[in-house]
Amino acid sequence: MGNGAKAQQKRERNAGKGPKDAKSQLKSNAAALSIKCKTCFQSFQSTTNRNMLGDHASNKHSKTFEECFNAEDGVAK
């Protein structure tokens, strides 16, 4: 048997396996957006720290953290 026959046999064996399923992280990223600004309703990931949320409130809205977010938002759990 030549190399051409071996390659053909391998193609026939692997034909039934089919393509692999694509793995996307879009759904898990969307689920992680659990913190929401009360003023502009922009979503933030649950891993965002309190300092970054405070920066958003002061820079974008000229408000304090408490005016834009709940007290427990941005606190590591």
C-alpha atoms as a PDB file:
ATOM      1  CA  MET A   1       0.000   0.000   0.000  1.00  0.00           C
ATOM      2  CA  GLY A   2       1.321   3.436  -0.919  1.00  0.00           C
ATOM      3  CA  ASN A   3       1.109   6.668   1.000  1.00  0.00           C
ATOM      4  CA  GLY A   4      -1.839   7.803  -1.112  1.00  0.00           C
ATOM      5  CA  ALA A   5      -3.938   4.876   0.102  1.00  0.00           C
ATOM      6  CA  LYS A   6      -3.031   5.583   3.744  1.00  0.00           C
ATOM      7  CA  ALA A   7      -4.043   9.215   3.373  1.00  0.00           C
ATOM      8  CA  GLN A   8      -7.346   8.224   1.795  1.00  0.00           C
ATOM      9  CA  GLN A   9      -8.074   5.772   4.630  1.00  0.00           C
ATOM     10  CA  LYS A  10      -7.331   8.477   7.197  1.00  0.00           C
ATOM     11  CA  ARG A  11      -9.673  10.912   5.415  1.00  0.00           C
ATOM     12  CA  GLU A  12     -12.436   8.295   5.430  1.00  0.00           C
ATOM     13  CA  ARG A  13     -11.956   7.587   9.162  1.00  0.00           C
ATOM     14  CA  ASN A  14     -12.023  11.271  10.076  1.00  0.00           C
ATOM     15  CA  ALA A  15     -14.986  12.133   7.833  1.00  0.00           C
ATOM     16  CA  GLY A  16     -17.494  10.902  10.434  1.00  0.00           C
ATOM     17  CA  LYS A  17     -16.095  13.065  13.221  1.00  0.00           C
ATOM     18  CA  GLY A  18     -17.290  16.344  11.713  1.00  0.00           C
ATOM     19  CA  PRO A  19     -16.230  19.864  12.629  1.00  0.00           C
ATOM     20  CA  LYS A  20     -15.778  20.938  16.224  1.00  0.00           C
ATOM     21  CA  ASP A  21     -18.283  23.283  17.832  1.00  0.00           C
ATOM     22  CA  ALA A  22     -17.166  26.896  18.120  1.00  0.00           C
ATOM     23  CA  LYS A  23     -16.840  28.142  21.674  1.00  0.00           C
ATOM     24  CA  SER A  24     -17.919  31.717  22.260  1.00  0.00           C
ATOM     25  CA  GLN A  25     -17.597  33.761  25.430  1.00  0.00           C
ATOM     26  CA  LEU A  26     -20.245  36.316  24.483  1.00  0.00           C
ATOM     27  CA  LYS A  27     -22.983  34.833  26.669  1.00  0.00           C
ATOM     28  CA  SER A  28     -20.812  34.629  29.767  1.00  0.00           C
ATOM     29  CA  ASN A  29     -19.573  38.194  29.225  1.00  0.00           C
ATOM     30  CA  ALA A  30     -23.139  39.463  28.926  1.00  0.00           C
ATOM     31  CA  ALA A  31     -24.098  37.650  32.131  1.00  0.00           C
ATOM     32  CA  ALA A  32     -21.182  39.264  33.974  1.00  0.00           C
ATOM     33  CA  LEU A  33     -22.543  42.774  33.296  1.00  0.00           C
ATOM     34  CA  SER A  34     -24.332  42.979  36.628  1.00  0.00           C
ATOM     35  CA  ILE A  35     -23.563  46.538  37.805  1.00  0.00           C
ATOM     36  CA  LYS A  36     -25.641  49.322  36.252  1.00  0.00           C
ATOM     37  CA  CYS A  37     -25.356  53.102  36.568  1.00  0.00           C
ATOM     38  CA  LYS A  38     -28.609  54.649  37.788  1.00  0.00           C
ATOM     39  CA  THR A  39     -28.114  57.781  35.690  1.00  0.00           C
ATOM     40  CA  CYS A  40     -27.087  56.551  32.233  1.00  0.00           C
ATOM     41  CA  PHE A  41     -27.871  52.811  32.647  1.00  0.00           C
ATOM     42  CA  GLN A  42     -24.410  51.821  31.401  1.00  0.00           C
ATOM     43  CA  SER A  43     -23.513  48.266  32.446  1.00  0.00           C
ATOM     44  CA  PHE A  44     -20.252  47.249  34.078  1.00  0.00           C
ATOM     45  CA  GLN A  45     -18.794  43.821  34.765  1.00  0.00           C
ATOM     46  CA  SER A  46     -19.116  42.485  38.282  1.00  0.00           C
ATOM     47  CA  THR A  47     -15.313  42.549  38.625  1.00  0.00           C
ATOM     48  CA  THR A  48     -15.164  46.351  38.278  1.00  0.00           C
ATOM     49  CA  ASN A  49     -13.815  47.909  41.453  1.00  0.00           C
ATOM     50  CA  ARG A  50     -15.374  50.747  43.411  1.00  0.00           C
ATOM     51  CA  ASN A  51     -12.699  53.272  42.389  1.00  0.00           C
ATOM     52  CA  MET A  52     -13.445  52.828  38.691  1.00  0.00           C
ATOM     53  CA  LEU A  53     -17.168  53.191  39.320  1.00  0.00           C
ATOM     54  CA  GLY A  54     -16.504  56.344  41.324  1.00  0.00           C
ATOM     55  CA  ASP A  55     -14.425  57.710  38.437  1.00  0.00           C
ATOM     56  CA  HIS A  56     -17.327  57.049  36.067  1.00  0.00           C
ATOM     57  CA  ALA A  57     -19.744  58.892  38.352  1.00  0.00           C
ATOM     58  CA  SER A  58     -17.520  61.920  38.830  1.00  0.00           C
ATOM     59  CA  ASN A  59     -16.157  62.237  35.285  1.00  0.00           C
ATOM     60  CA  LYS A  60     -19.274  61.481  33.283  1.00  0.00           C
ATOM     61  CA  HIS A  61     -22.038  62.799  35.551  1.00  0.00           C
ATOM     62  CA  SER A  62     -20.295  65.083  38.082  1.00  0.00           C
ATOM     63  CA  LYS A  63     -21.975  63.067  40.840  1.00  0.00           C
ATOM     64  CA  THR A  64     -20.789  60.911  43.711  1.00  0.00           C
ATOM     65  CA  PHE A  65     -20.570  57.130  43.733  1.00  0.00           C
ATOM     66  CA  GLU A  66     -23.657  56.833  45.954  1.00  0.00           C
ATOM     67  CA  GLU A  67     -25.785  58.900  43.568  1.00  0.00           C
ATOM     68  CA  CYS A  68     -25.006  56.636  40.609  1.00  0.00           C
ATOM     69  CA  PHE A  69     -24.613  53.148  42.090  1.00  0.00           C
ATOM     70  CA  ASN A  70     -25.932  50.965  44.910  1.00  0.00           C
ATOM     71  CA  ALA A  71     -23.795  50.805  48.054  1.00  0.00           C
ATOM     72  CA  GLU A  72     -22.770  47.160  47.519  1.00  0.00           C
ATOM     73  CA  ASP A  73     -21.717  47.655  43.865  1.00  0.00           C
ATOM     74  CA  GLY A  74     -18.006  47.401  43.112  1.00  0.00           C
ATOM     75  CA  VAL A  75     -17.224  45.538  46.340  1.00  0.00           C
ATOM     76  CA  ALA A  76     -15.401  42.225  45.938  1.00  0.00           C
ATOM     77  CA  LYS A  77     -17.555  39.370  47.202  1.00  0.00           C
END
